Amino acid sequence: MPKTPDLTLSDNALAFESDGYLCAIKFEEAPRKANYKTLVAMMKRADRYFEQEIGENKKKLVHFAAFKKSKDGARLAYQVLEELRVTSWRFSLFANERLQKNKYALLNTLDCYNQAVRCKNHKAHCHTERETWKARLVISEESEPRWLIPCQQVAPFVDLTRKGIAPDDALDAAAISRNVNLCPLYDASEFRLIDGDTPKRKRKNTRKFW
């Protein structure tokens, strides 16, 4: 039985255990639940797993698993989270070294990833273009600067208008807050400014990058 007796099992402590991983999940044993054995078997397939007893009188077994930021890790994490969701299971989810308040928000990122890997070219699914401004209040014939953003999920939340904040830093902040940086396909180095022509002509010129 894998155990880590010297590891504190508080959520604050375990949050740091997610560093370097896609995410980590903790839940207590519940033998009466129909899918308990299935969930434990799935957790044991993770890249890091341990179980430990807590409590003095009524001892309970706590299961903890950390999933690698990889194709297999992402798929397994999605399966575990979906199994927990459909059974309304009580659990703790950790990612980016913090306890996730919205436990199922990461499912959106993982679901998006699972769609992308089915594409012949994942960039056709992931990449998108966006103007500098967060909203266009006035229709103008002039072309505004446009950016190639490597993730459609984070694109609406990147604030490129803040003074003193570099565009790369704005993307980084948005990606972390939305857990997009956890996607195995996310590559911030592909973020760049698209100069020159109208959006229509720019799309033609950027086909070679897809």
N, C-alpha and C. Protein backbone atom coordinates (compact mmCIF):
# COMPACT_ATOMS: atom_id res chain seq x y z
N MET A 1 0.84 -1.19 0.00
CA MET A 1 0.00 0.00 0.00
C MET A 1 0.88 1.25 0.00
N PRO A 2 0.86 2.03 -1.05
CA PRO A 2 1.70 3.22 -1.10
C PRO A 2 1.26 4.23 -0.05
N LYS A 3 2.22 4.70 0.74
CA LYS A 3 1.91 5.68 1.77
C LYS A 3 2.98 6.76 1.80
N THR A 4 2.59 7.94 2.25
CA THR A 4 3.52 9.02 2.46
C THR A 4 3.23 9.60 3.84
N PRO A 5 3.69 8.95 4.92
CA PRO A 5 3.30 9.34 6.27
C PRO A 5 3.80 10.72 6.70
N ASP A 6 4.86 11.22 6.05
CA ASP A 6 5.41 12.50 6.47
C ASP A 6 4.80 13.68 5.72
N LEU A 7 3.83 13.43 4.86
CA LEU A 7 3.21 14.48 4.07
C LEU A 7 1.92 14.95 4.73
N THR A 8 1.84 16.25 5.01
CA THR A 8 0.63 16.81 5.58
C THR A 8 -0.50 16.74 4.56
N LEU A 9 -1.67 16.31 5.00
CA LEU A 9 -2.77 16.11 4.07
C LEU A 9 -3.75 17.29 4.03
N SER A 10 -3.36 18.42 4.59
CA SER A 10 -4.23 19.59 4.49
C SER A 10 -4.24 20.09 3.05
N ASP A 11 -5.34 20.74 2.67
CA ASP A 11 -5.45 21.24 1.30
C ASP A 11 -4.36 22.25 0.97
N ASN A 12 -4.01 23.09 1.94
CA ASN A 12 -2.97 24.09 1.70
C ASN A 12 -1.62 23.44 1.41
N ALA A 13 -1.31 22.38 2.11
CA ALA A 13 -0.05 21.68 1.90
C ALA A 13 -0.06 20.92 0.57
N LEU A 14 -1.17 20.26 0.30
CA LEU A 14 -1.25 19.45 -0.93
C LEU A 14 -1.28 20.31 -2.18
N ALA A 15 -1.68 21.57 -2.07
CA ALA A 15 -1.71 22.45 -3.23
C ALA A 15 -0.32 22.55 -3.86
N PHE A 16 0.70 22.58 -3.03
CA PHE A 16 2.06 22.68 -3.54
C PHE A 16 2.53 21.38 -4.19
N GLU A 17 1.87 20.28 -3.85
CA GLU A 17 2.22 19.00 -4.45
C GLU A 17 1.79 18.92 -5.91
N SER A 18 0.96 19.87 -6.35
CA SER A 18 0.53 19.88 -7.76
C SER A 18 1.55 20.56 -8.66
N ASP A 19 2.59 21.17 -8.07
CA ASP A 19 3.62 21.84 -8.85
C ASP A 19 4.30 20.85 -9.79
N GLY A 20 4.36 21.21 -11.07
CA GLY A 20 4.99 20.34 -12.05
C GLY A 20 4.06 19.32 -12.67
N TYR A 21 2.82 19.30 -12.18
CA TYR A 21 1.82 18.36 -12.71
C TYR A 21 0.67 19.12 -13.37
N LEU A 22 -0.08 18.40 -14.17
CA LEU A 22 -1.29 18.97 -14.75
C LEU A 22 -2.28 19.34 -13.65
N CYS A 23 -2.53 18.41 -12.75
CA CYS A 23 -3.41 18.65 -11.61
C CYS A 23 -3.25 17.51 -10.62
N ALA A 24 -3.86 17.67 -9.46
CA ALA A 24 -3.84 16.61 -8.44
C ALA A 24 -5.23 16.55 -7.80
N ILE A 25 -5.61 15.36 -7.36
CA ILE A 25 -6.94 15.13 -6.80
C ILE A 25 -6.83 14.37 -5.49
N LYS A 26 -7.64 14.78 -4.51
CA LYS A 26 -7.69 14.08 -3.22
C LYS A 26 -9.13 13.79 -2.85
N PHE A 27 -9.41 12.59 -2.38
CA PHE A 27 -10.73 12.30 -1.83
C PHE A 27 -10.61 11.20 -0.78
N GLU A 28 -11.60 11.12 0.10
CA GLU A 28 -11.62 10.11 1.15
C GLU A 28 -12.37 8.87 0.68
N GLU A 29 -12.06 7.77 1.32
CA GLU A 29 -12.69 6.51 0.95
C GLU A 29 -14.21 6.57 1.18
N ALA A 30 -14.91 5.87 0.31
CA ALA A 30 -16.37 5.78 0.43
C ALA A 30 -16.79 4.44 -0.15
N PRO A 31 -16.55 3.36 0.58
CA PRO A 31 -16.80 2.00 0.07
C PRO A 31 -18.23 1.75 -0.37
N ARG A 32 -19.18 2.51 0.18
CA ARG A 32 -20.58 2.28 -0.18
C ARG A 32 -20.94 2.85 -1.55
N LYS A 33 -20.11 3.74 -2.05
CA LYS A 33 -20.38 4.29 -3.38
C LYS A 33 -20.07 3.25 -4.44
N ALA A 34 -20.96 3.15 -5.41
CA ALA A 34 -20.84 2.09 -6.41
C ALA A 34 -19.55 2.17 -7.22
N ASN A 35 -19.08 3.39 -7.47
CA ASN A 35 -17.90 3.53 -8.33
C ASN A 35 -16.61 3.74 -7.54
N TYR A 36 -16.63 3.46 -6.25
CA TYR A 36 -15.45 3.71 -5.42
C TYR A 36 -14.23 2.92 -5.90
N LYS A 37 -14.39 1.63 -6.10
CA LYS A 37 -13.27 0.79 -6.54
C LYS A 37 -12.78 1.21 -7.92
N THR A 38 -13.70 1.60 -8.78
CA THR A 38 -13.32 2.05 -10.12
C THR A 38 -12.47 3.31 -10.05
N LEU A 39 -12.90 4.26 -9.21
CA LEU A 39 -12.15 5.51 -9.05
C LEU A 39 -10.76 5.27 -8.48
N VAL A 40 -10.66 4.42 -7.49
CA VAL A 40 -9.36 4.12 -6.89
C VAL A 40 -8.44 3.48 -7.92
N ALA A 41 -8.97 2.57 -8.73
CA ALA A 41 -8.17 1.93 -9.77
C ALA A 41 -7.67 2.95 -10.78
N MET A 42 -8.52 3.92 -11.12
CA MET A 42 -8.12 4.97 -12.05
C MET A 42 -7.06 5.87 -11.43
N MET A 43 -7.23 6.21 -10.15
CA MET A 43 -6.25 7.06 -9.46
C MET A 43 -4.88 6.39 -9.40
N LYS A 44 -4.86 5.10 -9.23
CA LYS A 44 -3.60 4.37 -9.13
C LYS A 44 -2.83 4.36 -10.45
N ARG A 45 -3.48 4.68 -11.54
CA ARG A 45 -2.82 4.76 -12.84
C ARG A 45 -2.13 6.11 -13.06
N ALA A 46 -2.33 7.04 -12.13
CA ALA A 46 -1.73 8.37 -12.26
C ALA A 46 -0.22 8.29 -12.09
N ASP A 47 0.46 9.38 -12.45
CA ASP A 47 1.93 9.40 -12.40
C ASP A 47 2.45 9.40 -10.96
N ARG A 48 1.65 9.93 -10.04
CA ARG A 48 2.00 9.87 -8.63
C ARG A 48 0.74 9.52 -7.84
N TYR A 49 0.86 8.56 -6.97
CA TYR A 49 -0.30 8.14 -6.18
C TYR A 49 0.15 7.71 -4.79
N PHE A 50 -0.64 8.06 -3.78
CA PHE A 50 -0.44 7.51 -2.46
C PHE A 50 -1.77 7.49 -1.72
N GLU A 51 -1.84 6.68 -0.70
CA GLU A 51 -3.02 6.62 0.16
C GLU A 51 -2.55 6.59 1.61
N GLN A 52 -3.31 7.21 2.49
CA GLN A 52 -2.90 7.33 3.88
C GLN A 52 -4.11 7.38 4.80
N GLU A 53 -4.01 6.73 5.94
CA GLU A 53 -5.09 6.74 6.91
C GLU A 53 -5.02 8.01 7.76
N ILE A 54 -6.19 8.57 8.04
CA ILE A 54 -6.28 9.75 8.90
C ILE A 54 -7.30 9.48 10.00
N GLY A 55 -7.24 10.27 11.07
CA GLY A 55 -8.18 10.10 12.18
C GLY A 55 -7.63 9.17 13.25
N GLU A 56 -8.17 9.29 14.45
CA GLU A 56 -7.71 8.47 15.57
C GLU A 56 -8.66 7.30 15.85
N ASN A 57 -9.93 7.63 16.08
CA ASN A 57 -10.89 6.57 16.36
C ASN A 57 -11.44 5.95 15.09
N LYS A 58 -12.19 6.78 14.33
CA LYS A 58 -12.71 6.33 13.05
C LYS A 58 -11.71 6.67 11.95
N LYS A 59 -10.89 5.73 11.61
CA LYS A 59 -9.86 5.99 10.61
C LYS A 59 -10.45 5.91 9.21
N LYS A 60 -10.03 6.86 8.38
CA LYS A 60 -10.46 6.88 6.98
C LYS A 60 -9.24 6.90 6.08
N LEU A 61 -9.38 6.29 4.94
CA LEU A 61 -8.30 6.24 3.97
C LEU A 61 -8.45 7.41 3.00
N VAL A 62 -7.38 8.16 2.82
CA VAL A 62 -7.37 9.29 1.89
C VAL A 62 -6.56 8.89 0.66
N HIS A 63 -7.12 9.15 -0.50
CA HIS A 63 -6.44 8.85 -1.76
C HIS A 63 -5.98 10.15 -2.41
N PHE A 64 -4.75 10.16 -2.90
CA PHE A 64 -4.19 11.34 -3.56
C PHE A 64 -3.48 10.90 -4.83
N ALA A 65 -3.74 11.62 -5.92
CA ALA A 65 -3.07 11.31 -7.18
C ALA A 65 -2.73 12.60 -7.92
N ALA A 66 -1.56 12.62 -8.54
CA ALA A 66 -1.12 13.76 -9.36
C ALA A 66 -0.93 13.27 -10.78
N PHE A 67 -1.44 14.03 -11.73
CA PHE A 67 -1.47 13.61 -13.13
C PHE A 67 -0.47 14.43 -13.95
N LYS A 68 0.32 13.74 -14.71
CA LYS A 68 1.37 14.37 -15.49
C LYS A 68 0.78 15.22 -16.61
N LYS A 69 1.49 16.29 -16.96
CA LYS A 69 1.07 17.18 -18.05
C LYS A 69 1.47 16.53 -19.38
N SER A 70 0.67 15.57 -19.80
CA SER A 70 0.93 14.82 -21.02
C SER A 70 -0.39 14.35 -21.61
N LYS A 71 -0.32 13.74 -22.76
CA LYS A 71 -1.54 13.25 -23.42
C LYS A 71 -2.25 12.22 -22.56
N ASP A 72 -1.50 11.26 -22.05
CA ASP A 72 -2.10 10.22 -21.21
C ASP A 72 -2.58 10.78 -19.88
N GLY A 73 -1.77 11.69 -19.30
CA GLY A 73 -2.16 12.29 -18.03
C GLY A 73 -3.42 13.11 -18.13
N ALA A 74 -3.54 13.87 -19.22
CA ALA A 74 -4.73 14.71 -19.43
C ALA A 74 -5.98 13.87 -19.62
N ARG A 75 -5.86 12.80 -20.37
CA ARG A 75 -7.03 11.94 -20.61
C ARG A 75 -7.47 11.24 -19.32
N LEU A 76 -6.50 10.78 -18.54
CA LEU A 76 -6.84 10.10 -17.30
C LEU A 76 -7.45 11.08 -16.29
N ALA A 77 -6.89 12.28 -16.20
CA ALA A 77 -7.44 13.29 -15.29
C ALA A 77 -8.87 13.65 -15.68
N TYR A 78 -9.12 13.75 -16.98
CA TYR A 78 -10.47 14.06 -17.46
C TYR A 78 -11.44 12.95 -17.07
N GLN A 79 -11.03 11.71 -17.23
CA GLN A 79 -11.89 10.58 -16.90
C GLN A 79 -12.22 10.55 -15.40
N VAL A 80 -11.22 10.82 -14.57
CA VAL A 80 -11.44 10.82 -13.12
C VAL A 80 -12.37 11.97 -12.73
N LEU A 81 -12.12 13.17 -13.24
CA LEU A 81 -12.96 14.33 -12.92
C LEU A 81 -14.39 14.14 -13.39
N GLU A 82 -14.56 13.54 -14.55
CA GLU A 82 -15.90 13.31 -15.07
C GLU A 82 -16.64 12.28 -14.22
N GLU A 83 -15.91 11.26 -13.77
CA GLU A 83 -16.51 10.24 -12.90
C GLU A 83 -16.92 10.86 -11.56
N LEU A 84 -16.10 11.77 -11.04
CA LEU A 84 -16.43 12.46 -9.80
C LEU A 84 -17.61 13.39 -9.99
N ARG A 85 -17.69 14.01 -11.15
CA ARG A 85 -18.77 14.96 -11.41
C ARG A 85 -20.13 14.27 -11.47
N VAL A 86 -20.21 13.20 -12.22
CA VAL A 86 -21.51 12.54 -12.42
C VAL A 86 -22.03 11.87 -11.15
N THR A 87 -21.13 11.61 -10.19
CA THR A 87 -21.56 10.97 -8.95
C THR A 87 -21.61 11.95 -7.77
N SER A 88 -21.41 13.25 -8.06
CA SER A 88 -21.46 14.30 -7.02
C SER A 88 -20.56 13.95 -5.84
N TRP A 89 -19.36 13.52 -6.13
CA TRP A 89 -18.41 13.09 -5.12
C TRP A 89 -17.73 14.30 -4.48
N ARG A 90 -17.50 14.23 -3.17
CA ARG A 90 -16.75 15.28 -2.48
C ARG A 90 -15.25 15.03 -2.65
N PHE A 91 -14.54 16.03 -3.17
CA PHE A 91 -13.11 15.86 -3.41
C PHE A 91 -12.45 17.23 -3.45
N SER A 92 -11.13 17.22 -3.45
CA SER A 92 -10.35 18.46 -3.59
C SER A 92 -9.52 18.37 -4.86
N LEU A 93 -9.50 19.47 -5.61
CA LEU A 93 -8.74 19.53 -6.85
C LEU A 93 -7.68 20.62 -6.73
N PHE A 94 -6.45 20.27 -7.11
CA PHE A 94 -5.34 21.20 -7.03
C PHE A 94 -4.71 21.38 -8.42
N ALA A 95 -4.39 22.62 -8.77
CA ALA A 95 -3.72 22.91 -10.04
C ALA A 95 -3.03 24.27 -9.91
N ASN A 96 -1.93 24.42 -10.59
CA ASN A 96 -1.15 25.66 -10.51
C ASN A 96 -0.83 26.02 -9.05
N GLU A 97 -0.58 24.99 -8.26
CA GLU A 97 -0.20 25.15 -6.85
C GLU A 97 -1.27 25.86 -6.01
N ARG A 98 -2.52 25.65 -6.38
CA ARG A 98 -3.59 26.24 -5.57
C ARG A 98 -4.82 25.32 -5.58
N LEU A 99 -5.59 25.43 -4.51
CA LEU A 99 -6.84 24.70 -4.43
C LEU A 99 -7.85 25.35 -5.36
N GLN A 100 -8.46 24.55 -6.23
CA GLN A 100 -9.39 25.08 -7.21
C GLN A 100 -10.79 25.20 -6.60
N LYS A 101 -11.30 26.43 -6.54
CA LYS A 101 -12.63 26.66 -5.99
C LYS A 101 -13.71 26.11 -6.92
N ASN A 102 -13.52 26.33 -8.22
CA ASN A 102 -14.44 25.78 -9.22
C ASN A 102 -13.85 24.45 -9.67
N LYS A 103 -14.30 23.37 -9.07
CA LYS A 103 -13.67 22.07 -9.28
C LYS A 103 -13.79 21.56 -10.72
N TYR A 104 -14.82 22.01 -11.41
CA TYR A 104 -15.05 21.45 -12.74
C TYR A 104 -14.62 22.38 -13.87
N ALA A 105 -14.04 23.54 -13.55
CA ALA A 105 -13.59 24.46 -14.60
C ALA A 105 -12.48 23.83 -15.44
N LEU A 106 -11.64 23.03 -14.78
CA LEU A 106 -10.55 22.38 -15.49
C LEU A 106 -11.06 21.40 -16.54
N LEU A 107 -12.28 20.90 -16.34
CA LEU A 107 -12.86 19.99 -17.34
C LEU A 107 -12.97 20.66 -18.70
N ASN A 108 -13.26 21.97 -18.72
CA ASN A 108 -13.36 22.69 -19.99
C ASN A 108 -12.04 22.66 -20.74
N THR A 109 -10.95 22.90 -20.00
CA THR A 109 -9.62 22.86 -20.62
C THR A 109 -9.29 21.47 -21.13
N LEU A 110 -9.57 20.46 -20.32
CA LEU A 110 -9.26 19.08 -20.71
C LEU A 110 -10.15 18.61 -21.85
N ASP A 111 -11.41 19.03 -21.86
CA ASP A 111 -12.31 18.67 -22.96
C ASP A 111 -11.84 19.31 -24.26
N CYS A 112 -11.42 20.58 -24.16
CA CYS A 112 -10.89 21.28 -25.34
C CYS A 112 -9.64 20.57 -25.86
N TYR A 113 -8.78 20.14 -24.95
CA TYR A 113 -7.57 19.42 -25.33
C TYR A 113 -7.90 18.11 -26.05
N ASN A 114 -8.87 17.38 -25.51
CA ASN A 114 -9.25 16.11 -26.13
C ASN A 114 -9.79 16.30 -27.55
N GLN A 115 -10.46 17.43 -27.80
CA GLN A 115 -10.91 17.74 -29.15
C GLN A 115 -9.73 18.07 -30.05
N ALA A 116 -8.77 18.84 -29.51
CA ALA A 116 -7.63 19.28 -30.31
C ALA A 116 -6.76 18.12 -30.79
N VAL A 117 -6.54 17.13 -29.92
CA VAL A 117 -5.67 16.03 -30.30
C VAL A 117 -6.30 15.12 -31.35
N ARG A 118 -7.60 15.28 -31.57
CA ARG A 118 -8.26 14.50 -32.61
C ARG A 118 -8.14 15.16 -33.98
N CYS A 119 -7.69 16.40 -33.99
CA CYS A 119 -7.52 17.13 -35.25
C CYS A 119 -6.20 16.75 -35.90
N LYS A 120 -6.18 16.77 -37.22
CA LYS A 120 -4.94 16.50 -37.95
C LYS A 120 -3.89 17.51 -37.59
N ASN A 121 -4.28 18.77 -37.46
CA ASN A 121 -3.39 19.84 -37.03
C ASN A 121 -4.06 20.54 -35.85
N HIS A 122 -3.56 20.36 -34.66
CA HIS A 122 -4.23 20.90 -33.47
C HIS A 122 -4.31 22.42 -33.49
N LYS A 123 -3.41 23.08 -34.24
CA LYS A 123 -3.42 24.55 -34.29
C LYS A 123 -4.69 25.08 -34.95
N ALA A 124 -5.27 24.30 -35.84
CA ALA A 124 -6.52 24.70 -36.48
C ALA A 124 -7.63 24.80 -35.45
N HIS A 125 -7.52 24.02 -34.40
CA HIS A 125 -8.50 24.06 -33.30
C HIS A 125 -8.13 25.10 -32.25
N CYS A 126 -6.86 25.20 -31.94
CA CYS A 126 -6.41 26.00 -30.79
C CYS A 126 -6.23 27.48 -31.11
N HIS A 127 -5.57 27.77 -32.23
CA HIS A 127 -5.17 29.14 -32.51
C HIS A 127 -6.34 30.03 -32.93
N THR A 128 -6.22 31.30 -32.61
CA THR A 128 -7.22 32.28 -33.04
C THR A 128 -6.55 33.64 -33.16
N GLU A 129 -7.21 34.56 -33.86
CA GLU A 129 -6.71 35.93 -33.99
C GLU A 129 -7.63 36.87 -33.23
N ARG A 130 -7.02 37.96 -32.72
CA ARG A 130 -7.80 38.93 -31.97
C ARG A 130 -7.19 40.31 -32.09
N GLU A 131 -8.07 41.32 -32.11
CA GLU A 131 -7.57 42.69 -32.15
C GLU A 131 -7.05 43.08 -30.77
N THR A 132 -6.31 44.18 -30.75
CA THR A 132 -5.71 44.64 -29.50
C THR A 132 -6.76 44.99 -28.46
N TRP A 133 -7.82 45.69 -28.88
CA TRP A 133 -8.83 46.15 -27.93
C TRP A 133 -9.74 45.01 -27.50
N LYS A 134 -10.19 45.09 -26.26
CA LYS A 134 -11.08 44.05 -25.73
C LYS A 134 -12.46 44.14 -26.36
N ALA A 135 -12.84 45.31 -26.84
CA ALA A 135 -14.17 45.46 -27.46
C ALA A 135 -14.10 46.58 -28.49
N ARG A 136 -14.82 46.43 -29.59
CA ARG A 136 -14.90 47.45 -30.61
C ARG A 136 -16.19 48.22 -30.44
N LEU A 137 -16.10 49.47 -29.95
CA LEU A 137 -17.29 50.27 -29.71
C LEU A 137 -17.65 51.11 -30.94
N VAL A 138 -16.65 51.36 -31.78
CA VAL A 138 -16.87 52.18 -32.98
C VAL A 138 -16.40 51.39 -34.19
N ILE A 139 -17.25 51.30 -35.18
CA ILE A 139 -16.88 50.60 -36.40
C ILE A 139 -15.98 51.50 -37.24
N SER A 140 -14.83 51.00 -37.62
CA SER A 140 -13.87 51.78 -38.38
C SER A 140 -13.34 50.96 -39.54
N GLU A 141 -13.02 51.64 -40.64
CA GLU A 141 -12.45 50.96 -41.79
C GLU A 141 -10.95 50.72 -41.61
N GLU A 142 -10.34 51.39 -40.64
CA GLU A 142 -8.92 51.23 -40.42
C GLU A 142 -8.65 49.88 -39.72
N SER A 143 -7.55 49.28 -40.10
CA SER A 143 -7.18 47.99 -39.53
C SER A 143 -6.44 48.20 -38.21
N GLU A 144 -6.92 47.53 -37.17
CA GLU A 144 -6.23 47.60 -35.88
C GLU A 144 -5.20 46.48 -35.79
N PRO A 145 -4.20 46.66 -34.92
CA PRO A 145 -3.23 45.58 -34.71
C PRO A 145 -3.93 44.30 -34.28
N ARG A 146 -3.49 43.20 -34.84
CA ARG A 146 -4.09 41.91 -34.50
C ARG A 146 -3.01 40.98 -33.97
N TRP A 147 -3.47 40.10 -33.09
CA TRP A 147 -2.55 39.17 -32.44
C TRP A 147 -2.94 37.73 -32.73
N LEU A 148 -1.94 36.90 -32.92
CA LEU A 148 -2.17 35.46 -33.00
C LEU A 148 -2.07 34.92 -31.57
N ILE A 149 -3.17 34.40 -31.06
CA ILE A 149 -3.21 33.88 -29.69
C ILE A 149 -3.28 32.36 -29.76
N PRO A 150 -2.39 31.68 -29.06
CA PRO A 150 -2.29 30.22 -29.21
C PRO A 150 -3.40 29.41 -28.57
N CYS A 151 -4.41 30.06 -27.99
CA CYS A 151 -5.50 29.31 -27.37
C CYS A 151 -6.80 30.10 -27.44
N GLN A 152 -7.79 29.53 -28.09
CA GLN A 152 -9.08 30.21 -28.23
C GLN A 152 -9.80 30.34 -26.88
N GLN A 153 -9.50 29.45 -25.93
CA GLN A 153 -10.16 29.50 -24.63
C GLN A 153 -9.76 30.75 -23.84
N VAL A 154 -8.51 31.15 -23.97
CA VAL A 154 -8.01 32.28 -23.17
C VAL A 154 -8.10 33.61 -23.91
N ALA A 155 -8.27 33.57 -25.23
CA ALA A 155 -8.24 34.79 -26.05
C ALA A 155 -9.15 35.92 -25.54
N PRO A 156 -10.40 35.65 -25.16
CA PRO A 156 -11.28 36.75 -24.73
C PRO A 156 -10.85 37.39 -23.42
N PHE A 157 -9.93 36.75 -22.68
CA PHE A 157 -9.59 37.24 -21.34
C PHE A 157 -8.21 37.91 -21.28
N VAL A 158 -7.53 37.99 -22.41
CA VAL A 158 -6.21 38.62 -22.44
C VAL A 158 -6.38 40.13 -22.61
N ASP A 159 -5.98 40.88 -21.61
CA ASP A 159 -6.11 42.34 -21.63
C ASP A 159 -4.82 42.94 -22.19
N LEU A 160 -4.87 43.36 -23.45
CA LEU A 160 -3.70 43.90 -24.12
C LEU A 160 -3.63 45.42 -24.06
N THR A 161 -4.48 46.03 -23.27
CA THR A 161 -4.55 47.50 -23.23
C THR A 161 -4.03 48.10 -21.92
N ARG A 162 -3.61 47.27 -20.98
CA ARG A 162 -3.15 47.78 -19.69
C ARG A 162 -1.78 48.43 -19.82
N LYS A 163 -1.66 49.63 -19.30
CA LYS A 163 -0.41 50.37 -19.36
C LYS A 163 0.63 49.73 -18.44
N GLY A 164 1.84 49.60 -18.95
CA GLY A 164 2.93 49.05 -18.15
C GLY A 164 2.96 47.54 -18.09
N ILE A 165 2.02 46.88 -18.76
CA ILE A 165 1.99 45.41 -18.77
C ILE A 165 2.31 44.93 -20.18
N ALA A 166 3.39 44.18 -20.31
CA ALA A 166 3.78 43.64 -21.61
C ALA A 166 2.74 42.64 -22.10
N PRO A 167 2.50 42.57 -23.42
CA PRO A 167 1.52 41.62 -23.95
C PRO A 167 1.78 40.18 -23.52
N ASP A 168 3.06 39.77 -23.49
CA ASP A 168 3.38 38.41 -23.07
C ASP A 168 2.96 38.16 -21.62
N ASP A 169 3.14 39.17 -20.78
CA ASP A 169 2.76 39.03 -19.37
C ASP A 169 1.23 38.99 -19.22
N ALA A 170 0.53 39.76 -20.06
CA ALA A 170 -0.93 39.76 -20.03
C ALA A 170 -1.47 38.39 -20.41
N LEU A 171 -0.86 37.78 -21.42
CA LEU A 171 -1.26 36.43 -21.83
C LEU A 171 -0.97 35.43 -20.73
N ASP A 172 0.20 35.54 -20.12
CA ASP A 172 0.60 34.62 -19.06
C ASP A 172 -0.37 34.68 -17.88
N ALA A 173 -0.75 35.90 -17.48
CA ALA A 173 -1.67 36.07 -16.36
C ALA A 173 -3.03 35.46 -16.65
N ALA A 174 -3.53 35.68 -17.86
CA ALA A 174 -4.84 35.15 -18.25
C ALA A 174 -4.81 33.62 -18.33
N ALA A 175 -3.71 33.08 -18.87
CA ALA A 175 -3.60 31.63 -19.02
C ALA A 175 -3.57 30.92 -17.67
N ILE A 176 -2.87 31.52 -16.69
CA ILE A 176 -2.79 30.91 -15.37
C ILE A 176 -4.14 31.00 -14.65
N SER A 177 -4.78 32.16 -14.73
CA SER A 177 -6.06 32.33 -14.03
C SER A 177 -7.14 31.43 -14.60
N ARG A 178 -7.04 31.10 -15.90
CA ARG A 178 -8.05 30.24 -16.53
C ARG A 178 -7.59 28.78 -16.61
N ASN A 179 -6.42 28.46 -16.05
CA ASN A 179 -5.85 27.11 -16.07
C ASN A 179 -5.53 26.62 -17.48
N VAL A 180 -5.43 27.53 -18.42
CA VAL A 180 -5.12 27.16 -19.80
C VAL A 180 -3.66 26.71 -19.93
N ASN A 181 -2.79 27.27 -19.08
CA ASN A 181 -1.37 26.90 -19.15
C ASN A 181 -1.14 25.43 -18.82
N LEU A 182 -2.15 24.76 -18.27
CA LEU A 182 -2.03 23.34 -17.93
C LEU A 182 -2.22 22.44 -19.14
N CYS A 183 -2.78 22.96 -20.22
CA CYS A 183 -3.00 22.15 -21.42
C CYS A 183 -1.66 21.72 -22.01
N PRO A 184 -1.46 20.43 -22.29
CA PRO A 184 -0.20 19.96 -22.86
C PRO A 184 0.12 20.58 -24.22
N LEU A 185 -0.88 21.09 -24.92
CA LEU A 185 -0.65 21.69 -26.24
C LEU A 185 -0.40 23.20 -26.18
N TYR A 186 -0.61 23.79 -25.03
CA TYR A 186 -0.48 25.25 -24.92
C TYR A 186 0.98 25.66 -25.05
N ASP A 187 1.25 26.57 -25.99
CA ASP A 187 2.61 27.05 -26.24
C ASP A 187 2.58 28.57 -26.34
N ALA A 188 2.94 29.23 -25.25
CA ALA A 188 2.89 30.70 -25.21
C ALA A 188 3.86 31.35 -26.19
N SER A 189 4.89 30.62 -26.62
CA SER A 189 5.87 31.20 -27.54
C SER A 189 5.28 31.47 -28.92
N GLU A 190 4.11 30.92 -29.21
CA GLU A 190 3.47 31.14 -30.51
C GLU A 190 2.62 32.41 -30.52
N PHE A 191 2.52 33.07 -29.39
CA PHE A 191 1.81 34.35 -29.28
C PHE A 191 2.63 35.43 -29.99
N ARG A 192 2.00 36.14 -30.94
CA ARG A 192 2.74 37.18 -31.67
C ARG A 192 1.79 38.18 -32.31
N LEU A 193 2.36 39.33 -32.62
CA LEU A 193 1.63 40.39 -33.30
C LEU A 193 1.61 40.12 -34.79
N ILE A 194 0.44 40.32 -35.41
CA ILE A 194 0.31 40.18 -36.87
C ILE A 194 0.22 41.59 -37.45
N ASP A 195 1.22 41.99 -38.18
CA ASP A 195 1.29 43.36 -38.69
C ASP A 195 0.67 43.48 -40.08
N GLY A 196 0.33 44.73 -40.42
CA GLY A 196 0.03 45.05 -41.82
C GLY A 196 -1.41 45.01 -42.24
N ASP A 197 -1.75 44.07 -43.10
CA ASP A 197 -2.96 44.11 -43.90
C ASP A 197 -4.26 44.03 -43.09
N THR A 198 -5.34 44.05 -43.83
CA THR A 198 -6.67 43.87 -43.23
C THR A 198 -6.76 42.44 -42.71
N PRO A 199 -7.68 42.17 -41.80
CA PRO A 199 -7.82 40.81 -41.26
C PRO A 199 -7.99 39.76 -42.34
N LYS A 200 -8.71 40.09 -43.42
CA LYS A 200 -8.95 39.11 -44.47
C LYS A 200 -7.65 38.69 -45.13
N ARG A 201 -6.80 39.69 -45.49
CA ARG A 201 -5.54 39.37 -46.13
C ARG A 201 -4.57 38.73 -45.15
N LYS A 202 -4.66 39.09 -43.89
CA LYS A 202 -3.77 38.51 -42.89
C LYS A 202 -4.02 37.01 -42.75
N ARG A 203 -5.28 36.63 -42.83
CA ARG A 203 -5.58 35.21 -42.70
C ARG A 203 -4.96 34.43 -43.83
N LYS A 204 -4.95 35.04 -45.05
CA LYS A 204 -4.32 34.36 -46.18
C LYS A 204 -2.82 34.22 -45.94
N ASN A 205 -2.20 35.28 -45.42
CA ASN A 205 -0.76 35.28 -45.23
C ASN A 205 -0.31 34.37 -44.10
N THR A 206 -1.21 34.05 -43.19
CA THR A 206 -0.80 33.25 -42.02
C THR A 206 -1.09 31.76 -42.19
N ARG A 207 -1.59 31.38 -43.35
CA ARG A 207 -1.89 29.95 -43.53
C ARG A 207 -0.66 29.08 -43.38
N LYS A 208 0.53 29.60 -43.77
CA LYS A 208 1.73 28.80 -43.68
C LYS A 208 2.07 28.43 -42.24
N PHE A 209 1.56 29.18 -41.27
CA PHE A 209 1.86 28.89 -39.87
C PHE A 209 0.99 27.78 -39.30
N TRP A 210 -0.14 27.51 -39.92
CA TRP A 210 -1.04 26.49 -39.37
C TRP A 210 -0.49 25.09 -39.66
